[in-house]
Amino acid sequence: MSDAVLTFPLLSRRRGLGNWGLVRASTRRGGGYEIASSRPYQRGDSVRAIDWKASARLSSARETDEFIVREHFAEEIPRVVVVVDRRPEMSLYPEPLPWLNKPAAVLAAGGLILDSAAAALGLVGYMDIPDARRARWLPPGGSEQARRIRGHLRATRNGAAPRENLSTCLRSLVRLRRHLPVGSFVFVLSDFLASPPPATWQMVSSLGWDVVPVIVQDPRWEQSFPAASGVALPVTDATGGFELVRLRRREAAARRVEHERRLAELQRELAARELDPVLLSSADPKAIHSAFLHWHERRMLRLGRR
């Protein structure tokens, strides 16, 4: 069995800022590989920057010695921030219940994002609200910061974060935008059953960040609903307690229609805002890796990079 670390390419949807899982091209001029423009040679320019073919064509046309220099974009390491929803409802199905363990899925997805950022030589940051009193912010950093983030991701129980905690996190990132240049990745891990309002999505998208919602929902109870009429079902609340509820066939069908409609509507709203979501239905690392690879494939097709 291979011990290779699973990763996926961090491909930006912004043309000119995209990367293929390596160093991201900047809008600034510098010593990168991506060509930004051409201009006449100036005293002090490096001879290695001369485009000899273009220079020969121009010299032939003008019948004089002309030299053209290629300018390249500078290279910047990508910055990646992981935002985690810490509402109590994000830990409703702990082990050994046979449903999606959201803390385990968040840990696996967050770890995959950190490993992918490391493969891209990127810096990683983190934000959540572990309780009702404060936000936790770790600015983008290197391997030591990644180690701290993994420690926070290992939390198996969520605190008392309020329903609007995702909106609070995203608005806080706006105030901290000096840490996140245009093209930075912001992965938001949540079930989005308490989704930020449209104005918040619009605010963060306007800053030129690549915001990626990672939807963590149980496929049976949240993305749909089983045909369980006449069966006593355990209904869990945010405190971890539950009660048995018996639904009629019509009630179970209505819940299934509502849950499927809710997920489809969420995906449509995100797509309308040019936000490419990742849907997670399992805590299995290989299934999560596959979901992120599908996200990458969809983005490549959309950008015409196949």
Protein backbone atom coordinates (compact mmCIF):
# COMPACT_ATOMS: atom_id res chain seq x y z
CA MET A 1 0.00 0.00 0.00
CA SER A 2 1.36 3.44 -0.95
CA ASP A 3 2.17 5.94 1.79
CA ALA A 4 2.09 8.87 -0.64
CA VAL A 5 0.39 12.01 0.68
CA LEU A 6 -2.87 12.73 -1.12
CA THR A 7 -3.12 16.20 -2.69
CA PHE A 8 -5.07 18.06 -5.36
CA PRO A 9 -3.91 20.96 -7.58
CA LEU A 10 -4.79 24.46 -6.36
CA LEU A 11 -6.15 25.84 -9.62
CA SER A 12 -7.39 29.43 -9.42
CA ARG A 13 -10.45 30.45 -11.44
CA ARG A 14 -8.91 33.88 -12.06
CA ARG A 15 -7.10 34.07 -15.37
CA GLY A 16 -3.57 35.36 -14.96
CA LEU A 17 -3.53 34.18 -11.36
CA GLY A 18 -4.04 30.49 -12.00
CA ASN A 19 -1.59 27.86 -10.96
CA TRP A 20 -1.23 24.20 -11.60
CA GLY A 21 -0.37 23.21 -8.08
CA LEU A 22 2.93 25.09 -8.11
CA VAL A 23 3.82 28.73 -7.56
CA ARG A 24 1.11 31.23 -8.46
CA ALA A 25 1.72 33.97 -11.00
CA SER A 26 1.27 37.52 -9.72
CA THR A 27 -0.07 40.60 -11.47
CA ARG A 28 3.25 42.28 -10.64
CA ARG A 29 6.22 42.18 -13.00
CA GLY A 30 9.08 39.99 -11.90
CA GLY A 31 11.18 36.95 -12.65
CA GLY A 32 8.52 34.32 -13.14
CA TYR A 33 7.83 32.13 -16.14
CA GLU A 34 4.50 33.50 -17.36
CA ILE A 35 4.90 36.22 -20.04
CA ALA A 36 3.20 39.53 -19.18
CA SER A 37 4.15 41.75 -22.15
CA SER A 38 6.90 42.82 -24.54
CA ARG A 39 8.67 46.18 -24.89
CA PRO A 40 11.78 47.74 -26.51
CA TYR A 41 15.14 47.02 -24.92
CA GLN A 42 16.33 49.60 -22.38
CA ARG A 43 19.80 50.16 -21.00
CA GLY A 44 20.30 47.90 -18.00
CA ASP A 45 17.98 45.12 -19.17
CA SER A 46 19.32 41.59 -18.94
CA VAL A 47 20.44 40.11 -22.25
CA ARG A 48 18.63 36.89 -21.21
CA ALA A 49 15.31 38.78 -21.37
CA ILE A 50 15.68 39.58 -25.09
CA ASP A 51 13.22 37.85 -27.41
CA TRP A 52 15.61 37.15 -30.28
CA LYS A 53 12.98 35.97 -32.78
CA ALA A 54 10.76 39.02 -32.24
CA SER A 55 13.84 41.24 -32.34
CA ALA A 56 14.93 39.73 -35.67
CA ARG A 57 11.48 40.23 -37.23
CA LEU A 58 11.31 43.86 -36.09
CA SER A 59 14.89 44.57 -37.20
CA SER A 60 14.16 43.10 -40.63
CA ALA A 61 11.01 45.20 -41.00
CA ARG A 62 12.70 48.43 -39.98
CA GLU A 63 16.10 47.60 -41.51
CA THR A 64 17.84 48.59 -38.28
CA ASP A 65 18.93 46.88 -35.10
CA GLU A 66 15.95 46.54 -32.78
CA PHE A 67 15.74 44.49 -29.60
CA ILE A 68 12.55 43.34 -27.89
CA VAL A 69 12.47 42.36 -24.23
CA ARG A 70 9.89 40.04 -22.67
CA GLU A 71 8.48 40.97 -19.27
CA HIS A 72 7.24 38.20 -17.00
CA PHE A 73 4.88 38.15 -14.08
CA ALA A 74 6.46 37.85 -10.68
CA GLU A 75 5.86 34.64 -8.78
CA GLU A 76 4.13 34.60 -5.42
CA ILE A 77 3.51 31.64 -3.21
CA PRO A 78 -0.22 30.94 -2.87
CA ARG A 79 -1.99 31.71 0.38
CA VAL A 80 -4.68 29.37 1.64
CA VAL A 81 -7.07 29.93 4.54
CA VAL A 82 -9.31 27.25 6.02
CA VAL A 83 -12.53 28.52 7.67
CA VAL A 84 -14.42 25.97 9.81
CA ASP A 85 -18.04 26.19 10.95
CA ARG A 86 -18.10 25.44 14.70
CA ARG A 87 -21.85 25.44 15.31
CA PRO A 88 -22.89 22.64 17.70
CA GLU A 89 -24.94 21.13 14.85
CA MET A 90 -21.68 20.33 13.05
CA SER A 91 -21.08 17.50 15.52
CA LEU A 92 -24.53 15.90 15.72
CA TYR A 93 -23.48 12.43 14.55
CA PRO A 94 -20.38 11.35 16.50
CA GLU A 95 -19.00 7.84 16.43
CA PRO A 96 -20.24 5.12 16.65
CA LEU A 97 -23.43 6.35 14.93
CA PRO A 98 -23.53 5.00 11.34
CA TRP A 99 -23.94 8.43 9.74
CA LEU A 100 -21.56 11.11 8.58
CA ASN A 101 -19.16 12.12 11.33
CA LYS A 102 -18.71 15.78 10.41
CA PRO A 103 -15.70 16.47 12.68
CA ALA A 104 -13.91 13.52 11.03
CA ALA A 105 -14.83 14.82 7.57
CA VAL A 106 -13.63 18.33 8.48
CA LEU A 107 -10.34 16.89 9.80
CA ALA A 108 -9.75 14.84 6.63
CA ALA A 109 -10.74 17.67 4.27
CA GLY A 110 -8.75 20.26 6.18
CA GLY A 111 -5.70 18.01 6.24
CA LEU A 112 -6.00 17.43 2.50
CA ILE A 113 -6.15 21.20 1.89
CA LEU A 114 -3.06 21.76 4.08
CA ASP A 115 -1.12 19.01 2.27
CA SER A 116 -2.12 20.44 -1.12
CA ALA A 117 -1.01 23.93 -0.06
CA ALA A 118 2.32 22.50 1.11
CA ALA A 119 2.75 20.76 -2.27
CA ALA A 120 2.19 24.17 -3.90
CA LEU A 121 4.79 25.75 -1.58
CA GLY A 122 1.98 27.83 -0.10
CA LEU A 123 1.29 29.53 3.21
CA VAL A 124 -1.71 28.37 5.26
CA GLY A 125 -4.01 30.21 7.67
CA TYR A 126 -7.06 29.32 9.72
CA MET A 127 -10.17 30.87 11.23
CA ASP A 128 -13.06 29.61 13.32
CA ILE A 129 -15.18 30.66 16.30
CA PRO A 130 -14.69 28.00 18.98
CA ASP A 131 -17.25 29.58 21.33
CA ALA A 132 -19.67 32.49 21.51
CA ARG A 133 -17.08 34.96 22.78
CA ARG A 134 -14.18 35.06 20.36
CA ALA A 135 -12.84 34.31 16.90
CA ARG A 136 -9.63 32.35 16.41
CA TRP A 137 -7.32 33.58 13.66
CA LEU A 138 -4.02 32.09 12.55
CA PRO A 139 -2.48 34.20 9.77
CA PRO A 140 -0.92 32.42 6.78
CA GLY A 141 2.37 30.78 7.66
CA GLY A 142 4.57 27.82 6.93
CA SER A 143 4.94 24.32 8.33
CA GLU A 144 4.72 25.36 11.98
CA GLN A 145 1.45 27.17 11.34
CA ALA A 146 0.14 24.10 9.51
CA ARG A 147 0.95 22.01 12.58
CA ARG A 148 -1.11 24.37 14.78
CA ILE A 149 -4.02 24.26 12.35
CA ARG A 150 -4.04 20.46 12.36
CA GLY A 151 -4.37 20.60 16.13
CA HIS A 152 -7.51 22.76 15.86
CA LEU A 153 -8.94 20.53 13.13
CA ARG A 154 -8.71 17.53 15.44
CA ALA A 155 -11.45 18.92 17.70
CA THR A 156 -14.09 16.19 17.93
CA ARG A 157 -16.76 18.34 19.55
CA ASN A 158 -17.81 21.84 18.56
CA GLY A 159 -18.31 24.65 21.01
CA ALA A 160 -21.09 27.20 21.27
CA ALA A 161 -20.45 29.13 18.07
CA PRO A 162 -23.57 31.11 17.09
CA ARG A 163 -25.64 30.36 14.01
CA GLU A 164 -24.12 33.32 12.14
CA ASN A 165 -20.52 32.31 12.91
CA LEU A 166 -19.58 31.80 9.24
CA SER A 167 -20.68 35.33 8.37
CA THR A 168 -18.67 36.63 11.30
CA CYS A 169 -15.59 34.74 10.13
CA LEU A 170 -15.85 35.97 6.56
CA ARG A 171 -16.40 39.58 7.61
CA SER A 172 -13.39 39.25 9.91
CA LEU A 173 -11.30 38.07 6.95
CA VAL A 174 -12.32 41.19 5.07
CA ARG A 175 -10.85 43.28 7.88
CA LEU A 176 -7.70 41.13 7.76
CA ARG A 177 -7.36 41.35 3.98
CA ARG A 178 -3.81 42.69 4.21
CA HIS A 179 -2.82 39.07 4.86
CA LEU A 180 -4.63 37.79 1.75
CA PRO A 181 -3.67 39.20 -1.67
CA VAL A 182 -5.82 38.80 -4.75
CA GLY A 183 -5.99 35.15 -5.77
CA SER A 184 -5.77 33.75 -2.23
CA PHE A 185 -7.81 30.60 -1.58
CA VAL A 186 -10.44 30.59 1.16
CA PHE A 187 -11.89 27.11 1.81
CA VAL A 188 -15.08 27.29 3.92
CA LEU A 189 -16.00 23.97 5.61
CA SER A 190 -19.61 23.76 6.75
CA ASP A 191 -22.90 21.96 6.21
CA PHE A 192 -24.28 25.37 5.14
CA LEU A 193 -27.58 24.69 6.84
CA ALA A 194 -26.96 28.16 8.25
CA SER A 195 -25.42 29.72 5.15
CA PRO A 196 -24.02 33.28 5.07
CA PRO A 197 -26.32 35.86 3.45
CA PRO A 198 -25.75 36.88 -0.19
CA ALA A 199 -24.21 40.21 0.84
CA THR A 200 -21.42 38.41 2.71
CA TRP A 201 -20.59 36.17 -0.25
CA GLN A 202 -20.55 39.22 -2.50
CA MET A 203 -18.24 41.07 -0.11
CA VAL A 204 -15.56 38.38 0.01
CA SER A 205 -15.79 37.62 -3.70
CA SER A 206 -15.27 41.31 -4.56
CA LEU A 207 -11.78 41.16 -3.01
CA GLY A 208 -10.53 38.80 -5.71
CA TRP A 209 -10.20 35.78 -3.43
CA ASP A 210 -10.92 32.29 -4.66
CA VAL A 211 -13.63 31.25 -2.18
CA VAL A 212 -14.43 27.52 -2.20
CA PRO A 213 -17.44 26.31 -0.14
CA VAL A 214 -16.91 22.74 1.08
CA ILE A 215 -20.38 21.34 1.82
CA VAL A 216 -20.28 18.65 4.54
CA GLN A 217 -23.69 16.95 4.71
CA ASP A 218 -24.90 13.49 5.64
CA PRO A 219 -26.20 11.90 2.40
CA ARG A 220 -29.15 10.18 4.08
CA TRP A 221 -30.47 12.67 6.63
CA GLU A 222 -29.44 16.06 5.20
CA GLN A 223 -29.00 15.67 1.44
CA SER A 224 -32.14 13.51 1.35
CA PHE A 225 -34.33 11.55 3.78
CA PRO A 226 -35.04 7.81 4.02
CA ALA A 227 -38.39 6.19 3.37
CA ALA A 228 -38.81 5.42 7.04
CA SER A 229 -42.56 5.64 7.62
CA GLY A 230 -43.79 3.73 10.63
CA VAL A 231 -40.29 3.42 12.12
CA ALA A 232 -39.19 5.15 15.32
CA LEU A 233 -36.36 7.50 14.30
CA PRO A 234 -33.82 9.07 16.69
CA VAL A 235 -33.95 12.87 16.22
CA THR A 236 -30.80 14.51 17.57
CA ASP A 237 -30.52 18.06 18.91
CA ALA A 238 -27.56 20.42 19.26
CA THR A 239 -26.85 19.30 22.82
CA GLY A 240 -26.29 15.69 21.78
CA GLY A 241 -29.56 14.40 23.17
CA PHE A 242 -32.24 12.72 21.07
CA GLU A 243 -35.81 11.57 21.09
CA LEU A 244 -37.68 8.94 19.08
CA VAL A 245 -40.06 10.27 16.43
CA ARG A 246 -42.42 8.22 14.28
CA LEU A 247 -43.21 9.75 10.87
CA ARG A 248 -45.98 8.95 8.44
CA ARG A 249 -45.08 8.04 4.86
CA ARG A 250 -46.26 11.44 3.63
CA GLU A 251 -44.16 13.25 6.25
CA ALA A 252 -41.01 11.27 5.36
CA ALA A 253 -41.55 11.97 1.65
CA ALA A 254 -42.06 15.67 2.35
CA ARG A 255 -38.79 15.82 4.26
CA ARG A 256 -36.96 14.07 1.43
CA VAL A 257 -38.29 16.55 -1.12
CA GLU A 258 -37.42 19.49 1.12
CA HIS A 259 -33.87 18.33 1.84
CA GLU A 260 -33.10 17.58 -1.80
CA ARG A 261 -34.56 20.94 -2.82
CA ARG A 262 -32.50 22.70 -0.14
CA LEU A 263 -29.21 21.19 -1.37
CA ALA A 264 -30.01 21.89 -5.04
CA GLU A 265 -30.91 25.48 -4.22
CA LEU A 266 -27.69 25.97 -2.25
CA GLN A 267 -25.61 24.65 -5.13
CA ARG A 268 -27.45 26.88 -7.62
CA GLU A 269 -26.95 29.97 -5.46
CA LEU A 270 -23.24 29.29 -5.07
CA ALA A 271 -22.81 28.61 -8.78
CA ALA A 272 -24.64 31.85 -9.60
CA ARG A 273 -21.98 33.68 -7.57
CA GLU A 274 -19.21 31.83 -9.43
CA LEU A 275 -18.36 29.85 -6.30
CA ASP A 276 -17.40 26.25 -7.13
CA PRO A 277 -18.51 24.09 -4.19
CA VAL A 278 -17.11 20.73 -3.13
CA LEU A 279 -19.76 18.31 -1.83
CA LEU A 280 -18.61 15.83 0.84
CA SER A 281 -20.84 12.91 1.82
CA SER A 282 -18.25 10.78 3.60
CA ALA A 283 -15.40 11.11 6.08
CA ASP A 284 -13.31 8.57 4.17
CA PRO A 285 -10.05 10.32 3.09
CA LYS A 286 -10.06 8.65 -0.33
CA ALA A 287 -13.66 9.71 -1.01
CA ILE A 288 -12.81 13.26 0.07
CA HIS A 289 -9.73 13.27 -2.15
CA SER A 290 -11.88 12.13 -5.07
CA ALA A 291 -14.37 14.96 -4.42
CA PHE A 292 -11.59 17.57 -4.55
CA LEU A 293 -10.16 16.04 -7.72
CA HIS A 294 -13.63 16.28 -9.32
CA TRP A 295 -13.71 19.94 -8.25
CA HIS A 296 -10.37 20.46 -9.99
CA GLU A 297 -11.55 18.67 -13.14
CA ARG A 298 -14.70 20.82 -13.31
CA ARG A 299 -12.62 23.95 -12.96
CA MET A 300 -10.23 22.89 -15.71
CA LEU A 301 -13.16 22.27 -18.05
CA ARG A 302 -14.73 25.62 -17.18
CA LEU A 303 -11.49 27.47 -17.81
CA GLY A 304 -10.82 25.59 -21.04
CA ARG A 305 -7.53 24.18 -19.79
CA ARG A 306 -7.99 20.62 -21.04
